[in-house]
């Protein structure tokens, strides 16, 4: 499932190409929007909130959607996908914008967008950096919920997907299974994750290591049963049915061990980000609270 940085990049691509243009032809084939006709309407805004995309038009309506696993946009030439997959086609002045296989799509009055995205937590990929303290408070309110599950809950924080739910705990030296209310200096972990996703939303690829490798740009995601890049212990992998948060997961049983109380390893975060441009955002955008008290595990 695309993560918040991917949706933000998509919104910027649509905006760069079509913002301010009028719709010349409109075809809506999804049963939820068959009444929609945007001919003559001008695209006045394109936005992303968490994993939701929003297209605002000057007639007071907003078309919204969620890509989930299979959805995508074709931009430019008219899509060659089968017609039944083209849920929404809009011919703009500078080409076509086509929503393909969109599992969630709808239209709402622009003034009522909150009914669609108002339940979401702070948006990691918004124009300005999110309030790390607010996100941390929302996560801790989950009490004994596993860290990965709390990070993936968009009501706590909007934008993290499964890649970050694997990579960010690893970078911070905390197990994805660690209960959130037993993690000290959790705001440093949140700040590191925010710095990564906000940096990646401005890049053409997702990278958490700062390195450009032929095999992967990620620390451990998809690398189960291989040596941990930090301590060489064999990484453990789990399927969707094997963890409470219902997503594939990977972790190191040694340097991400579960403990009654676990402190985020700030020094490890600094080392992990040393080659990554996200280091310029962390801790500058998000100064870790009580960083001097956070002892590496």
C-alpha atoms as a PDB file:
ATOM      1  CA  UNK A   1       0.000   0.000   0.000  1.00  0.00           C
ATOM      2  CA  UNK A   2       1.467   3.405  -0.933  1.00  0.00           C
ATOM      3  CA  UNK A   3       2.644   5.456   2.010  1.00  0.00           C
ATOM      4  CA  UNK A   4       2.198   9.139   2.729  1.00  0.00           C
ATOM      5  CA  UNK A   5       5.333  10.224   0.873  1.00  0.00           C
ATOM      6  CA  UNK A   6       4.116   8.482  -2.304  1.00  0.00           C
ATOM      7  CA  UNK A   7       0.704  10.173  -2.157  1.00  0.00           C
ATOM      8  CA  UNK A   8       2.301  13.584  -1.572  1.00  0.00           C
ATOM      9  CA  UNK A   9       4.507  13.096  -4.643  1.00  0.00           C
ATOM     10  CA  UNK A  10       1.423  12.068  -6.650  1.00  0.00           C
ATOM     11  CA  UNK A  11      -0.432  15.207  -5.549  1.00  0.00           C
ATOM     12  CA  UNK A  12       2.503  17.371  -6.599  1.00  0.00           C
ATOM     13  CA  UNK A  13       2.691  15.680 -10.018  1.00  0.00           C
ATOM     14  CA  UNK A  14      -1.026  16.266 -10.622  1.00  0.00           C
ATOM     15  CA  UNK A  15      -0.743  19.858  -9.420  1.00  0.00           C
ATOM     16  CA  UNK A  16       2.306  20.629 -11.560  1.00  0.00           C
ATOM     17  CA  UNK A  17       0.553  19.372 -14.687  1.00  0.00           C
ATOM     18  CA  UNK A  18      -3.110  20.318 -14.283  1.00  0.00           C
ATOM     19  CA  UNK A  19      -3.631  22.970 -11.586  1.00  0.00           C
ATOM     20  CA  UNK A  20      -5.693  25.894 -12.873  1.00  0.00           C
ATOM     21  CA  UNK A  21      -6.969  24.013 -15.922  1.00  0.00           C
ATOM     22  CA  UNK A  22     -10.589  23.448 -16.950  1.00  0.00           C
ATOM     23  CA  UNK A  23     -12.051  20.016 -17.531  1.00  0.00           C
ATOM     24  CA  UNK A  24     -13.117  19.455 -21.153  1.00  0.00           C
ATOM     25  CA  UNK A  25     -14.453  15.888 -20.854  1.00  0.00           C
ATOM     26  CA  UNK A  26     -15.462  13.856 -17.825  1.00  0.00           C
ATOM     27  CA  UNK A  27     -16.231  10.141 -17.568  1.00  0.00           C
ATOM     28  CA  UNK A  28     -17.180   8.599 -14.205  1.00  0.00           C
ATOM     29  CA  UNK A  29     -17.647   4.821 -14.252  1.00  0.00           C
ATOM     30  CA  UNK A  30     -17.517   3.926 -10.576  1.00  0.00           C
ATOM     31  CA  UNK A  31     -21.024   3.327  -9.138  1.00  0.00           C
ATOM     32  CA  UNK A  32     -20.256   5.735  -6.293  1.00  0.00           C
ATOM     33  CA  UNK A  33     -19.645   8.682  -8.644  1.00  0.00           C
ATOM     34  CA  UNK A  34     -21.690   7.945 -11.780  1.00  0.00           C
ATOM     35  CA  UNK A  35     -23.534  11.229 -11.209  1.00  0.00           C
ATOM     36  CA  UNK A  36     -20.284  13.216 -11.358  1.00  0.00           C
ATOM     37  CA  UNK A  37     -19.797  15.563 -14.332  1.00  0.00           C
ATOM     38  CA  UNK A  38     -16.880  17.973 -14.065  1.00  0.00           C
ATOM     39  CA  UNK A  39     -17.020  19.473 -17.566  1.00  0.00           C
ATOM     40  CA  UNK A  40     -16.321  23.183 -17.303  1.00  0.00           C
ATOM     41  CA  UNK A  41     -14.980  22.974 -13.748  1.00  0.00           C
ATOM     42  CA  UNK A  42     -11.457  24.248 -13.007  1.00  0.00           C
ATOM     43  CA  UNK A  43      -9.016  22.341 -10.832  1.00  0.00           C
ATOM     44  CA  UNK A  44      -8.156  24.799  -8.075  1.00  0.00           C
ATOM     45  CA  UNK A  45      -6.332  22.592  -5.595  1.00  0.00           C
ATOM     46  CA  UNK A  46      -4.600  19.251  -5.242  1.00  0.00           C
ATOM     47  CA  UNK A  47      -3.765  17.906  -1.829  1.00  0.00           C
ATOM     48  CA  UNK A  48      -2.772  14.790   0.071  1.00  0.00           C
ATOM     49  CA  UNK A  49      -3.693  14.065   3.673  1.00  0.00           C
ATOM     50  CA  UNK A  50      -2.002  10.948   4.957  1.00  0.00           C
ATOM     51  CA  UNK A  51      -2.782   8.333   2.300  1.00  0.00           C
ATOM     52  CA  UNK A  52      -5.811  10.154   0.840  1.00  0.00           C
ATOM     53  CA  UNK A  53      -5.668  12.311  -2.294  1.00  0.00           C
ATOM     54  CA  UNK A  54      -7.981  15.293  -2.835  1.00  0.00           C
ATOM     55  CA  UNK A  55      -8.845  17.117  -6.078  1.00  0.00           C
ATOM     56  CA  UNK A  56     -10.626  20.436  -5.479  1.00  0.00           C
ATOM     57  CA  UNK A  57     -12.679  22.154  -8.186  1.00  0.00           C
ATOM     58  CA  UNK A  58     -14.095  25.663  -8.422  1.00  0.00           C
ATOM     59  CA  UNK A  59     -17.675  24.373  -8.412  1.00  0.00           C
ATOM     60  CA  UNK A  60     -17.281  23.645  -4.700  1.00  0.00           C
ATOM     61  CA  UNK A  61     -16.712  19.905  -5.002  1.00  0.00           C
ATOM     62  CA  UNK A  62     -13.766  17.738  -3.999  1.00  0.00           C
ATOM     63  CA  UNK A  63     -13.060  14.357  -5.551  1.00  0.00           C
ATOM     64  CA  UNK A  64     -11.203  12.147  -3.085  1.00  0.00           C
ATOM     65  CA  UNK A  65      -9.770   8.655  -3.001  1.00  0.00           C
ATOM     66  CA  UNK A  66      -7.337   6.120  -1.585  1.00  0.00           C
ATOM     67  CA  UNK A  67      -5.020   3.982  -3.725  1.00  0.00           C
ATOM     68  CA  UNK A  68      -4.791   1.057  -1.296  1.00  0.00           C
ATOM     69  CA  UNK A  69      -2.932  -1.811  -3.018  1.00  0.00           C
ATOM     70  CA  UNK A  70      -4.013  -1.575  -6.659  1.00  0.00           C
ATOM     71  CA  UNK A  71      -5.084   1.983  -7.407  1.00  0.00           C
ATOM     72  CA  UNK A  72      -3.050   4.351  -9.544  1.00  0.00           C
ATOM     73  CA  UNK A  73      -3.262   7.464 -11.710  1.00  0.00           C
ATOM     74  CA  UNK A  74      -2.336   7.690 -15.380  1.00  0.00           C
ATOM     75  CA  UNK A  75      -1.341  11.250 -16.279  1.00  0.00           C
ATOM     76  CA  UNK A  76      -0.750  12.633 -19.752  1.00  0.00           C
ATOM     77  CA  UNK A  77      -1.980  10.605 -22.698  1.00  0.00           C
ATOM     78  CA  UNK A  78      -5.349   8.926 -22.491  1.00  0.00           C
ATOM     79  CA  UNK A  79      -4.992   5.691 -20.572  1.00  0.00           C
ATOM     80  CA  UNK A  80      -4.943   2.422 -22.482  1.00  0.00           C
ATOM     81  CA  UNK A  81      -6.230   0.452 -19.475  1.00  0.00           C
ATOM     82  CA  UNK A  82      -9.508  -1.415 -20.063  1.00  0.00           C
ATOM     83  CA  UNK A  83     -12.426   0.996 -19.821  1.00  0.00           C
ATOM     84  CA  UNK A  84     -13.949  -0.779 -16.824  1.00  0.00           C
ATOM     85  CA  UNK A  85     -10.745  -0.095 -14.866  1.00  0.00           C
ATOM     86  CA  UNK A  86     -10.855   3.621 -15.648  1.00  0.00           C
ATOM     87  CA  UNK A  87     -13.006   4.668 -12.700  1.00  0.00           C
ATOM     88  CA  UNK A  88     -12.637   8.378 -13.481  1.00  0.00           C
ATOM     89  CA  UNK A  89     -11.289  10.030 -16.629  1.00  0.00           C
ATOM     90  CA  UNK A  90     -10.826  13.764 -16.922  1.00  0.00           C
ATOM     91  CA  UNK A  91      -9.538  15.479 -20.041  1.00  0.00           C
ATOM     92  CA  UNK A  92      -7.827  18.658 -18.942  1.00  0.00           C
ATOM     93  CA  UNK A  93      -6.143  21.336 -21.058  1.00  0.00           C
ATOM     94  CA  UNK A  94      -2.763  19.600 -20.751  1.00  0.00           C
ATOM     95  CA  UNK A  95      -3.775  15.963 -21.145  1.00  0.00           C
ATOM     96  CA  UNK A  96      -5.737  13.277 -19.359  1.00  0.00           C
ATOM     97  CA  UNK A  97      -5.970  12.418 -15.677  1.00  0.00           C
ATOM     98  CA  UNK A  98      -7.269   8.880 -15.132  1.00  0.00           C
ATOM     99  CA  UNK A  99      -7.948   7.071 -11.856  1.00  0.00           C
ATOM    100  CA  UNK A 100      -7.315   3.351 -12.427  1.00  0.00           C
ATOM    101  CA  UNK A 101      -8.653   0.538 -10.200  1.00  0.00           C
ATOM    102  CA  UNK A 102      -9.369   3.005  -7.416  1.00  0.00           C
ATOM    103  CA  UNK A 103     -10.878   0.989  -4.521  1.00  0.00           C
ATOM    104  CA  UNK A 104     -11.983   4.121  -2.632  1.00  0.00           C
ATOM    105  CA  UNK A 105     -13.290   7.075  -4.607  1.00  0.00           C
ATOM    106  CA  UNK A 106     -16.004   9.609  -3.993  1.00  0.00           C
ATOM    107  CA  UNK A 107     -17.050  13.231  -4.158  1.00  0.00           C
ATOM    108  CA  UNK A 108     -17.969  15.626  -1.379  1.00  0.00           C
ATOM    109  CA  UNK A 109     -18.559  19.341  -0.979  1.00  0.00           C
ATOM    110  CA  UNK A 110     -15.152  20.960  -0.421  1.00  0.00           C
ATOM    111  CA  UNK A 111     -16.390  22.514   2.812  1.00  0.00           C
ATOM    112  CA  UNK A 112     -17.150  18.982   4.077  1.00  0.00           C
ATOM    113  CA  UNK A 113     -13.710  17.410   3.465  1.00  0.00           C
ATOM    114  CA  UNK A 114     -13.379  16.865   7.204  1.00  0.00           C
ATOM    115  CA  UNK A 115     -15.955  14.088   6.914  1.00  0.00           C
ATOM    116  CA  UNK A 116     -13.372  12.190   4.865  1.00  0.00           C
ATOM    117  CA  UNK A 117     -10.042  13.047   6.517  1.00  0.00           C
ATOM    118  CA  UNK A 118     -11.007  14.630   9.813  1.00  0.00           C
ATOM    119  CA  UNK A 119     -10.446  11.401  11.745  1.00  0.00           C
ATOM    120  CA  UNK A 120      -6.779  11.259  10.760  1.00  0.00           C
ATOM    121  CA  UNK A 121      -3.904  12.089  13.069  1.00  0.00           C
ATOM    122  CA  UNK A 122      -1.249  14.731  12.306  1.00  0.00           C
ATOM    123  CA  UNK A 123      -0.167  14.569   8.662  1.00  0.00           C
ATOM    124  CA  UNK A 124       3.520  13.724   8.370  1.00  0.00           C
ATOM    125  CA  UNK A 125       3.732  15.025   4.808  1.00  0.00           C
ATOM    126  CA  UNK A 126       1.894  18.324   5.276  1.00  0.00           C
ATOM    127  CA  UNK A 127       3.519  21.593   4.235  1.00  0.00           C
ATOM    128  CA  UNK A 128       5.028  22.109   7.680  1.00  0.00           C
ATOM    129  CA  UNK A 129       6.502  19.553  10.088  1.00  0.00           C
ATOM    130  CA  UNK A 130       3.989  17.864  12.388  1.00  0.00           C
ATOM    131  CA  UNK A 131       3.793  18.291  16.151  1.00  0.00           C
ATOM    132  CA  UNK A 132       5.892  15.378  17.403  1.00  0.00           C
ATOM    133  CA  UNK A 133       4.592  15.803  20.935  1.00  0.00           C
ATOM    134  CA  UNK A 134       1.007  15.479  19.758  1.00  0.00           C
ATOM    135  CA  UNK A 135       1.826  12.332  17.784  1.00  0.00           C
ATOM    136  CA  UNK A 136       3.658  10.838  20.752  1.00  0.00           C
ATOM    137  CA  UNK A 137       0.699  11.518  23.033  1.00  0.00           C
ATOM    138  CA  UNK A 138      -1.631   9.788  20.565  1.00  0.00           C
ATOM    139  CA  UNK A 139       0.662   6.778  20.348  1.00  0.00           C
ATOM    140  CA  UNK A 140       1.055   6.460  24.110  1.00  0.00           C
ATOM    141  CA  UNK A 141      -2.729   6.595  24.513  1.00  0.00           C
ATOM    142  CA  UNK A 142      -2.720   3.173  22.812  1.00  0.00           C
ATOM    143  CA  UNK A 143      -1.251   1.875  26.098  1.00  0.00           C
ATOM    144  CA  UNK A 144       0.035  -1.690  25.634  1.00  0.00           C
ATOM    145  CA  UNK A 145      -0.492  -1.807  21.856  1.00  0.00           C
ATOM    146  CA  UNK A 146       2.571  -2.985  19.859  1.00  0.00           C
ATOM    147  CA  UNK A 147       4.609  -0.130  18.429  1.00  0.00           C
ATOM    148  CA  UNK A 148       4.156  -1.171  14.788  1.00  0.00           C
ATOM    149  CA  UNK A 149       0.386  -1.375  15.150  1.00  0.00           C
ATOM    150  CA  UNK A 150       0.236   2.064  16.752  1.00  0.00           C
ATOM    151  CA  UNK A 151       2.391   3.600  13.999  1.00  0.00           C
ATOM    152  CA  UNK A 152       0.170   2.097  11.292  1.00  0.00           C
ATOM    153  CA  UNK A 153      -3.042   3.424  12.849  1.00  0.00           C
ATOM    154  CA  UNK A 154      -3.760   6.526  10.776  1.00  0.00           C
ATOM    155  CA  UNK A 155      -5.836   7.971  13.638  1.00  0.00           C
ATOM    156  CA  UNK A 156      -2.582   8.365  15.573  1.00  0.00           C
ATOM    157  CA  UNK A 157      -0.407   9.665  12.768  1.00  0.00           C
ATOM    158  CA  UNK A 158      -1.226   9.946   9.060  1.00  0.00           C
ATOM    159  CA  UNK A 159       1.297   8.766   6.506  1.00  0.00           C
ATOM    160  CA  UNK A 160       3.302   5.869   7.913  1.00  0.00           C
ATOM    161  CA  UNK A 161       2.846   2.594   6.069  1.00  0.00           C
ATOM    162  CA  UNK A 162       4.363  -0.829   6.497  1.00  0.00           C
ATOM    163  CA  UNK A 163       7.847   0.073   5.258  1.00  0.00           C
ATOM    164  CA  UNK A 164       8.200   2.732   7.935  1.00  0.00           C
ATOM    165  CA  UNK A 165       6.567   0.494  10.569  1.00  0.00           C
ATOM    166  CA  UNK A 166       9.493  -1.908   9.980  1.00  0.00           C
ATOM    167  CA  UNK A 167      12.323   0.532   9.314  1.00  0.00           C
ATOM    168  CA  UNK A 168      11.734   3.204  11.961  1.00  0.00           C
ATOM    169  CA  UNK A 169      11.677   0.798  14.958  1.00  0.00           C
ATOM    170  CA  UNK A 170      14.851  -0.826  13.621  1.00  0.00           C
ATOM    171  CA  UNK A 171      16.632   2.502  13.257  1.00  0.00           C
ATOM    172  CA  UNK A 172      15.620   3.382  16.824  1.00  0.00           C
ATOM    173  CA  UNK A 173      16.616  -0.033  18.238  1.00  0.00           C
ATOM    174  CA  UNK A 174      13.099  -0.884  19.449  1.00  0.00           C
ATOM    175  CA  UNK A 175      11.061  -4.003  18.707  1.00  0.00           C
ATOM    176  CA  UNK A 176       7.901  -3.511  16.627  1.00  0.00           C
ATOM    177  CA  UNK A 177       6.264  -5.672  19.329  1.00  0.00           C
ATOM    178  CA  UNK A 178       7.300  -3.359  22.187  1.00  0.00           C
ATOM    179  CA  UNK A 179       4.200  -1.850  23.894  1.00  0.00           C
ATOM    180  CA  UNK A 180       4.136   1.862  23.177  1.00  0.00           C
ATOM    181  CA  UNK A 181       3.578   2.824  26.807  1.00  0.00           C
ATOM    182  CA  UNK A 182       6.814   1.055  27.783  1.00  0.00           C
ATOM    183  CA  UNK A 183       9.062   3.044  25.419  1.00  0.00           C
ATOM    184  CA  UNK A 184      11.118   5.913  26.849  1.00  0.00           C
ATOM    185  CA  UNK A 185      11.990   8.861  24.593  1.00  0.00           C
ATOM    186  CA  UNK A 186       9.347   7.793  22.079  1.00  0.00           C
ATOM    187  CA  UNK A 187       9.307  11.301  20.613  1.00  0.00           C
ATOM    188  CA  UNK A 188      12.864  10.765  19.294  1.00  0.00           C
ATOM    189  CA  UNK A 189      11.637   7.736  17.340  1.00  0.00           C
ATOM    190  CA  UNK A 190       8.681   9.731  15.980  1.00  0.00           C
ATOM    191  CA  UNK A 191      10.972  12.623  15.034  1.00  0.00           C
ATOM    192  CA  UNK A 192      13.311  10.272  13.151  1.00  0.00           C
ATOM    193  CA  UNK A 193      10.406   8.699  11.274  1.00  0.00           C
ATOM    194  CA  UNK A 194       9.020  12.112  10.412  1.00  0.00           C
ATOM    195  CA  UNK A 195      12.406  13.280   9.137  1.00  0.00           C
ATOM    196  CA  UNK A 196      12.703  10.189   6.923  1.00  0.00           C
ATOM    197  CA  UNK A 197       9.245  10.328   5.350  1.00  0.00           C
ATOM    198  CA  UNK A 198       9.386  14.105   4.845  1.00  0.00           C
ATOM    199  CA  UNK A 199      12.753  13.784   3.126  1.00  0.00           C
ATOM    200  CA  UNK A 200      11.611  10.867   0.979  1.00  0.00           C
ATOM    201  CA  UNK A 201       8.498  12.694  -0.222  1.00  0.00           C
ATOM    202  CA  UNK A 202      10.826  15.009  -2.150  1.00  0.00           C
ATOM    203  CA  UNK A 203      12.771  12.161  -3.771  1.00  0.00           C
ATOM    204  CA  UNK A 204      11.969   9.804  -6.628  1.00  0.00           C
ATOM    205  CA  UNK A 205      12.509   6.703  -4.474  1.00  0.00           C
ATOM    206  CA  UNK A 206      12.048   5.649  -0.861  1.00  0.00           C
ATOM    207  CA  UNK A 207      15.317   5.254   0.988  1.00  0.00           C
ATOM    208  CA  UNK A 208      15.962   4.776   4.703  1.00  0.00           C
ATOM    209  CA  UNK A 209      19.698   4.031   4.674  1.00  0.00           C
ATOM    210  CA  UNK A 210      21.111   6.955   2.712  1.00  0.00           C
ATOM    211  CA  UNK A 211      22.949   4.416   0.564  1.00  0.00           C
ATOM    212  CA  UNK A 212      22.179   3.518  -3.048  1.00  0.00           C
ATOM    213  CA  UNK A 213      22.528  -0.244  -3.278  1.00  0.00           C
ATOM    214  CA  UNK A 214      21.640  -2.564  -6.149  1.00  0.00           C
ATOM    215  CA  UNK A 215      19.618  -4.853  -3.886  1.00  0.00           C
ATOM    216  CA  UNK A 216      17.730  -2.487  -1.594  1.00  0.00           C
ATOM    217  CA  UNK A 217      17.655   1.039  -0.234  1.00  0.00           C
ATOM    218  CA  UNK A 218      16.124  -0.148   3.034  1.00  0.00           C
ATOM    219  CA  UNK A 219      17.690  -1.455   6.222  1.00  0.00           C
ATOM    220  CA  UNK A 220      15.708  -4.643   6.854  1.00  0.00           C
ATOM    221  CA  UNK A 221      12.324  -4.516   5.112  1.00  0.00           C
ATOM    222  CA  UNK A 222      11.992  -7.659   2.980  1.00  0.00           C
ATOM    223  CA  UNK A 223      15.265  -9.092   4.314  1.00  0.00           C
ATOM    224  CA  UNK A 224      13.988 -11.742   6.738  1.00  0.00           C
ATOM    225  CA  UNK A 225      16.330 -14.695   7.369  1.00  0.00           C
ATOM    226  CA  UNK A 226      19.323 -12.556   6.413  1.00  0.00           C
ATOM    227  CA  UNK A 227      21.957 -11.129   8.781  1.00  0.00           C
ATOM    228  CA  UNK A 228      21.047  -7.989  10.668  1.00  0.00           C
ATOM    229  CA  UNK A 229      23.062  -5.098   9.164  1.00  0.00           C
ATOM    230  CA  UNK A 230      23.695  -3.844  12.696  1.00  0.00           C
ATOM    231  CA  UNK A 231      24.699  -6.950  14.679  1.00  0.00           C
ATOM    232  CA  UNK A 232      24.642  -9.875  12.150  1.00  0.00           C
ATOM    233  CA  UNK A 233      21.941 -11.813  14.046  1.00  0.00           C
ATOM    234  CA  UNK A 234      19.509 -13.540  11.675  1.00  0.00           C
ATOM    235  CA  UNK A 235      16.494 -11.332  11.096  1.00  0.00           C
ATOM    236  CA  UNK A 236      13.054 -12.717  11.934  1.00  0.00           C
ATOM    237  CA  UNK A 237      10.175 -12.350   9.485  1.00  0.00           C
ATOM    238  CA  UNK A 238       6.451 -12.710  10.112  1.00  0.00           C
ATOM    239  CA  UNK A 239       3.433 -12.840   7.809  1.00  0.00           C
ATOM    240  CA  UNK A 240       0.237 -10.842   8.038  1.00  0.00           C
ATOM    241  CA  UNK A 241      -1.484 -13.516  10.117  1.00  0.00           C
ATOM    242  CA  UNK A 242       1.415 -13.839  12.538  1.00  0.00           C
ATOM    243  CA  UNK A 243       1.436 -10.361  14.083  1.00  0.00           C
ATOM    244  CA  UNK A 244      -1.360  -8.372  15.768  1.00  0.00           C
ATOM    245  CA  UNK A 245      -1.114  -5.467  13.316  1.00  0.00           C
ATOM    246  CA  UNK A 246      -1.779  -7.702  10.303  1.00  0.00           C
ATOM    247  CA  UNK A 247       1.143  -6.758   8.057  1.00  0.00           C
ATOM    248  CA  UNK A 248       4.330  -8.526   7.053  1.00  0.00           C
ATOM    249  CA  UNK A 249       7.092  -7.592   9.466  1.00  0.00           C
ATOM    250  CA  UNK A 250      10.824  -7.990  10.028  1.00  0.00           C
ATOM    251  CA  UNK A 251      12.949  -7.346  13.116  1.00  0.00           C
ATOM    252  CA  UNK A 252      16.210  -8.283  14.784  1.00  0.00           C
ATOM    253  CA  UNK A 253      15.712 -10.420  17.922  1.00  0.00           C
ATOM    254  CA  UNK A 254      18.998  -9.152  19.345  1.00  0.00           C
ATOM    255  CA  UNK A 255      19.234  -5.397  18.861  1.00  0.00           C
ATOM    256  CA  UNK A 256      15.443  -5.013  18.943  1.00  0.00           C
ATOM    257  CA  UNK A 257      14.777  -7.205  21.962  1.00  0.00           C
ATOM    258  CA  UNK A 258      11.543  -6.697  23.928  1.00  0.00           C
ATOM    259  CA  UNK A 259      12.105  -5.450  27.477  1.00  0.00           C
ATOM    260  CA  UNK A 260       9.820  -4.356  30.343  1.00  0.00           C
ATOM    261  CA  UNK A 261      11.005  -0.812  29.601  1.00  0.00           C
ATOM    262  CA  UNK A 262      12.891   0.116  26.413  1.00  0.00           C
ATOM    263  CA  UNK A 263      14.677   3.393  25.722  1.00  0.00           C
ATOM    264  CA  UNK A 264      14.962   4.686  22.169  1.00  0.00           C
ATOM    265  CA  UNK A 265      18.614   4.594  21.163  1.00  0.00           C
ATOM    266  CA  UNK A 266      19.247   8.178  20.051  1.00  0.00           C
ATOM    267  CA  UNK A 267      22.920   7.487  19.274  1.00  0.00           C
ATOM    268  CA  UNK A 268      21.853   4.620  17.000  1.00  0.00           C
ATOM    269  CA  UNK A 269      19.432   6.933  15.164  1.00  0.00           C
ATOM    270  CA  UNK A 270      22.248   9.416  14.611  1.00  0.00           C
ATOM    271  CA  UNK A 271      24.505   6.696  13.217  1.00  0.00           C
ATOM    272  CA  UNK A 272      21.721   5.261  11.035  1.00  0.00           C
ATOM    273  CA  UNK A 273      20.998   8.664   9.480  1.00  0.00           C
ATOM    274  CA  UNK A 274      24.597   9.767   9.034  1.00  0.00           C
ATOM    275  CA  UNK A 275      24.507   9.197   5.234  1.00  0.00           C
ATOM    276  CA  UNK A 276      20.859  10.132   4.777  1.00  0.00           C
ATOM    277  CA  UNK A 277      19.724  13.667   3.874  1.00  0.00           C
ATOM    278  CA  UNK A 278      17.071  13.270   6.588  1.00  0.00           C
ATOM    279  CA  UNK A 279      19.846  14.030   9.093  1.00  0.00           C
ATOM    280  CA  UNK A 280      19.367  17.711   8.147  1.00  0.00           C
ATOM    281  CA  UNK A 281      15.795  17.534   9.459  1.00  0.00           C
ATOM    282  CA  UNK A 282      16.546  15.507  12.583  1.00  0.00           C
ATOM    283  CA  UNK A 283      16.878  16.797  15.196  1.00  0.00           C
ATOM    284  CA  UNK A 284      16.643  20.307  13.697  1.00  0.00           C
ATOM    285  CA  UNK A 285      12.913  20.135  12.895  1.00  0.00           C
ATOM    286  CA  UNK A 286      12.164  17.897  15.874  1.00  0.00           C
ATOM    287  CA  UNK A 287      14.595  18.318  18.799  1.00  0.00           C
ATOM    288  CA  UNK A 288      14.417  15.077  20.845  1.00  0.00           C
ATOM    289  CA  UNK A 289      13.136  15.651  24.372  1.00  0.00           C
ATOM    290  CA  UNK A 290      15.702  14.881  27.087  1.00  0.00           C
ATOM    291  CA  UNK A 291      18.147  13.557  24.501  1.00  0.00           C
ATOM    292  CA  UNK A 292      20.956  13.673  27.064  1.00  0.00           C
ATOM    293  CA  UNK A 293      19.066  11.200  29.235  1.00  0.00           C
ATOM    294  CA  UNK A 294      18.507   8.634  26.486  1.00  0.00           C
ATOM    295  CA  UNK A 295      21.103   5.906  26.998  1.00  0.00           C
ATOM    296  CA  UNK A 296      21.738   3.476  24.106  1.00  0.00           C
ATOM    297  CA  UNK A 297      20.666  -0.084  24.803  1.00  0.00           C
END
